[in-house]
């Protein structure tokens, strides 16, 4: 399996979801994903003046197209939830769903541990 940077992994996820445009600002906190977006010719990066404007643009695009609206921002007023252990993922997702505003879940887990968790979680299912 090819090792990807965090930015490349995020862009690969956007490609999997068939995202066609990403709105946002290029800044020091978003540089790695900005570099990966530069190489992703099928995703159009649309620079914006500020996060609020980009959020409205991504929302409008999503509503008009029925596809995901994506904003790349350093700060956008969302509730933040940080996950550092696999057992915290479900709780963070529920908290984000219960939140009455946009939410971001920052998952800081070793990818190998997360892969083992996903693989093992389906091992004993079935009839």
C-alpha atoms as a PDB file:
ATOM      1  CA  UNK A   1       0.000   0.000   0.000  1.00  0.00           C
ATOM      2  CA  UNK A   2       1.365   3.407  -1.017  1.00  0.00           C
ATOM      3  CA  UNK A   3       2.052   5.712   1.921  1.00  0.00           C
ATOM      4  CA  UNK A   4       0.253   9.051   1.583  1.00  0.00           C
ATOM      5  CA  UNK A   5       0.686  12.324   3.404  1.00  0.00           C
ATOM      6  CA  UNK A   6      -2.299  13.608   5.380  1.00  0.00           C
ATOM      7  CA  UNK A   7      -3.123  16.064   2.593  1.00  0.00           C
ATOM      8  CA  UNK A   8      -2.936  13.363  -0.071  1.00  0.00           C
ATOM      9  CA  UNK A   9      -5.170  11.077   2.003  1.00  0.00           C
ATOM     10  CA  UNK A  10      -7.742  13.860   2.428  1.00  0.00           C
ATOM     11  CA  UNK A  11      -7.731  14.577  -1.311  1.00  0.00           C
ATOM     12  CA  UNK A  12      -8.030  10.852  -2.079  1.00  0.00           C
ATOM     13  CA  UNK A  13     -11.155  10.820   0.108  1.00  0.00           C
ATOM     14  CA  UNK A  14     -12.543  13.799  -1.803  1.00  0.00           C
ATOM     15  CA  UNK A  15     -11.842  11.990  -5.080  1.00  0.00           C
ATOM     16  CA  UNK A  16     -13.596   8.859  -3.798  1.00  0.00           C
ATOM     17  CA  UNK A  17     -16.644  10.995  -3.013  1.00  0.00           C
ATOM     18  CA  UNK A  18     -16.447  12.536  -6.513  1.00  0.00           C
ATOM     19  CA  UNK A  19     -16.022  16.063  -5.159  1.00  0.00           C
ATOM     20  CA  UNK A  20     -15.580  18.440  -8.099  1.00  0.00           C
ATOM     21  CA  UNK A  21     -14.797  21.703  -6.298  1.00  0.00           C
ATOM     22  CA  UNK A  22     -13.324  22.797  -3.009  1.00  0.00           C
ATOM     23  CA  UNK A  23     -13.711  26.349  -1.761  1.00  0.00           C
ATOM     24  CA  UNK A  24     -11.215  27.827   0.650  1.00  0.00           C
ATOM     25  CA  UNK A  25      -8.184  29.768   1.717  1.00  0.00           C
ATOM     26  CA  UNK A  26      -4.609  28.683   1.384  1.00  0.00           C
ATOM     27  CA  UNK A  27      -2.839  29.172   4.693  1.00  0.00           C
ATOM     28  CA  UNK A  28      -0.115  27.661   6.803  1.00  0.00           C
ATOM     29  CA  UNK A  29      -2.530  25.230   8.475  1.00  0.00           C
ATOM     30  CA  UNK A  30      -3.912  24.023   5.124  1.00  0.00           C
ATOM     31  CA  UNK A  31      -0.721  23.948   3.062  1.00  0.00           C
ATOM     32  CA  UNK A  32      -0.362  20.159   2.918  1.00  0.00           C
ATOM     33  CA  UNK A  33      -3.869  19.629   1.557  1.00  0.00           C
ATOM     34  CA  UNK A  34      -3.459  22.635  -0.752  1.00  0.00           C
ATOM     35  CA  UNK A  35      -0.368  20.993  -2.249  1.00  0.00           C
ATOM     36  CA  UNK A  36      -2.287  17.753  -2.778  1.00  0.00           C
ATOM     37  CA  UNK A  37      -5.221  19.631  -4.345  1.00  0.00           C
ATOM     38  CA  UNK A  38      -2.807  21.255  -6.806  1.00  0.00           C
ATOM     39  CA  UNK A  39      -1.968  17.788  -8.149  1.00  0.00           C
ATOM     40  CA  UNK A  40      -5.631  16.668  -8.280  1.00  0.00           C
ATOM     41  CA  UNK A  41      -6.611  18.051 -11.671  1.00  0.00           C
ATOM     42  CA  UNK A  42     -10.199  16.758 -11.436  1.00  0.00           C
ATOM     43  CA  UNK A  43     -10.903  18.889  -8.336  1.00  0.00           C
ATOM     44  CA  UNK A  44     -11.338  22.607  -8.906  1.00  0.00           C
ATOM     45  CA  UNK A  45      -9.986  24.762  -6.045  1.00  0.00           C
ATOM     46  CA  UNK A  46     -11.887  28.048  -5.779  1.00  0.00           C
ATOM     47  CA  UNK A  47     -10.138  30.618  -3.612  1.00  0.00           C
ATOM     48  CA  UNK A  48     -12.311  32.788  -1.374  1.00  0.00           C
ATOM     49  CA  UNK A  49     -11.862  36.009   0.569  1.00  0.00           C
ATOM     50  CA  UNK A  50     -12.748  34.525   3.972  1.00  0.00           C
ATOM     51  CA  UNK A  51     -14.037  31.310   5.555  1.00  0.00           C
ATOM     52  CA  UNK A  52     -17.578  32.626   5.971  1.00  0.00           C
ATOM     53  CA  UNK A  53     -17.884  33.421   2.265  1.00  0.00           C
ATOM     54  CA  UNK A  54     -16.445  30.027   1.314  1.00  0.00           C
ATOM     55  CA  UNK A  55     -18.860  28.275   3.661  1.00  0.00           C
ATOM     56  CA  UNK A  56     -21.819  29.984   1.990  1.00  0.00           C
ATOM     57  CA  UNK A  57     -20.442  29.114  -1.441  1.00  0.00           C
ATOM     58  CA  UNK A  58     -19.922  25.446  -0.521  1.00  0.00           C
ATOM     59  CA  UNK A  59     -23.397  25.288   1.016  1.00  0.00           C
ATOM     60  CA  UNK A  60     -24.999  26.849  -2.057  1.00  0.00           C
ATOM     61  CA  UNK A  61     -23.115  24.502  -4.359  1.00  0.00           C
ATOM     62  CA  UNK A  62     -24.236  21.497  -2.303  1.00  0.00           C
ATOM     63  CA  UNK A  63     -27.862  22.595  -2.292  1.00  0.00           C
ATOM     64  CA  UNK A  64     -27.876  23.275  -6.046  1.00  0.00           C
ATOM     65  CA  UNK A  65     -26.053  20.113  -7.102  1.00  0.00           C
ATOM     66  CA  UNK A  66     -27.047  17.592  -4.441  1.00  0.00           C
ATOM     67  CA  UNK A  67     -23.339  16.786  -4.042  1.00  0.00           C
ATOM     68  CA  UNK A  68     -20.985  17.449  -1.145  1.00  0.00           C
ATOM     69  CA  UNK A  69     -20.030  21.069  -0.552  1.00  0.00           C
ATOM     70  CA  UNK A  70     -16.464  21.351   0.722  1.00  0.00           C
ATOM     71  CA  UNK A  71     -14.713  24.269   2.403  1.00  0.00           C
ATOM     72  CA  UNK A  72     -11.018  24.203   3.257  1.00  0.00           C
ATOM     73  CA  UNK A  73     -10.633  26.546   6.200  1.00  0.00           C
ATOM     74  CA  UNK A  74      -8.493  27.161   9.230  1.00  0.00           C
ATOM     75  CA  UNK A  75     -11.416  28.394  11.311  1.00  0.00           C
ATOM     76  CA  UNK A  76     -15.106  28.283  10.459  1.00  0.00           C
ATOM     77  CA  UNK A  77     -17.009  28.422  13.764  1.00  0.00           C
ATOM     78  CA  UNK A  78     -17.656  24.713  13.969  1.00  0.00           C
ATOM     79  CA  UNK A  79     -17.795  22.706  17.158  1.00  0.00           C
ATOM     80  CA  UNK A  80     -14.615  20.671  17.519  1.00  0.00           C
ATOM     81  CA  UNK A  81     -14.227  17.156  18.862  1.00  0.00           C
ATOM     82  CA  UNK A  82     -10.837  15.465  19.195  1.00  0.00           C
ATOM     83  CA  UNK A  83     -10.508  11.695  19.238  1.00  0.00           C
ATOM     84  CA  UNK A  84      -7.290  10.063  20.397  1.00  0.00           C
ATOM     85  CA  UNK A  85      -8.480   6.507  21.101  1.00  0.00           C
ATOM     86  CA  UNK A  86     -10.601   4.211  18.939  1.00  0.00           C
ATOM     87  CA  UNK A  87     -13.126   3.805  21.748  1.00  0.00           C
ATOM     88  CA  UNK A  88     -13.865   7.555  21.608  1.00  0.00           C
ATOM     89  CA  UNK A  89     -14.968   7.608  17.943  1.00  0.00           C
ATOM     90  CA  UNK A  90     -18.604   6.640  18.565  1.00  0.00           C
ATOM     91  CA  UNK A  91     -18.979   9.167  21.368  1.00  0.00           C
ATOM     92  CA  UNK A  92     -17.497  11.949  19.222  1.00  0.00           C
ATOM     93  CA  UNK A  93     -19.764  11.126  16.279  1.00  0.00           C
ATOM     94  CA  UNK A  94     -22.819  11.158  18.557  1.00  0.00           C
ATOM     95  CA  UNK A  95     -21.755  14.468  20.100  1.00  0.00           C
ATOM     96  CA  UNK A  96     -21.312  15.942  16.602  1.00  0.00           C
ATOM     97  CA  UNK A  97     -24.755  14.694  15.554  1.00  0.00           C
ATOM     98  CA  UNK A  98     -26.315  16.163  18.706  1.00  0.00           C
ATOM     99  CA  UNK A  99     -24.573  19.492  18.185  1.00  0.00           C
ATOM    100  CA  UNK A 100     -26.747  22.293  16.846  1.00  0.00           C
ATOM    101  CA  UNK A 101     -24.052  23.696  14.537  1.00  0.00           C
ATOM    102  CA  UNK A 102     -21.475  22.387  12.067  1.00  0.00           C
ATOM    103  CA  UNK A 103     -18.991  20.026  13.655  1.00  0.00           C
ATOM    104  CA  UNK A 104     -15.471  18.834  12.955  1.00  0.00           C
ATOM    105  CA  UNK A 105     -14.074  15.588  14.347  1.00  0.00           C
ATOM    106  CA  UNK A 106     -10.277  15.513  14.552  1.00  0.00           C
ATOM    107  CA  UNK A 107      -9.228  11.862  14.648  1.00  0.00           C
ATOM    108  CA  UNK A 108      -5.643  11.548  15.861  1.00  0.00           C
ATOM    109  CA  UNK A 109      -5.245   7.767  15.869  1.00  0.00           C
ATOM    110  CA  UNK A 110      -2.444   5.662  14.435  1.00  0.00           C
ATOM    111  CA  UNK A 111      -3.782   4.630  10.981  1.00  0.00           C
ATOM    112  CA  UNK A 112      -2.612   1.047  11.491  1.00  0.00           C
ATOM    113  CA  UNK A 113      -4.690   0.783  14.684  1.00  0.00           C
ATOM    114  CA  UNK A 114      -7.690   2.273  12.916  1.00  0.00           C
ATOM    115  CA  UNK A 115      -7.319  -0.228  10.052  1.00  0.00           C
ATOM    116  CA  UNK A 116      -7.174  -3.139  12.523  1.00  0.00           C
ATOM    117  CA  UNK A 117     -10.275  -1.770  14.287  1.00  0.00           C
ATOM    118  CA  UNK A 118     -12.263  -1.541  11.035  1.00  0.00           C
ATOM    119  CA  UNK A 119     -11.124  -4.977   9.880  1.00  0.00           C
ATOM    120  CA  UNK A 120     -11.870  -6.633  13.226  1.00  0.00           C
ATOM    121  CA  UNK A 121     -15.230  -4.912  13.695  1.00  0.00           C
ATOM    122  CA  UNK A 122     -16.666  -6.861  10.762  1.00  0.00           C
ATOM    123  CA  UNK A 123     -14.973 -10.173  11.518  1.00  0.00           C
ATOM    124  CA  UNK A 124     -17.742 -11.705  13.670  1.00  0.00           C
ATOM    125  CA  UNK A 125     -20.796 -10.451  11.809  1.00  0.00           C
ATOM    126  CA  UNK A 126     -23.143 -12.627   9.892  1.00  0.00           C
ATOM    127  CA  UNK A 127     -25.781 -15.252  10.381  1.00  0.00           C
END
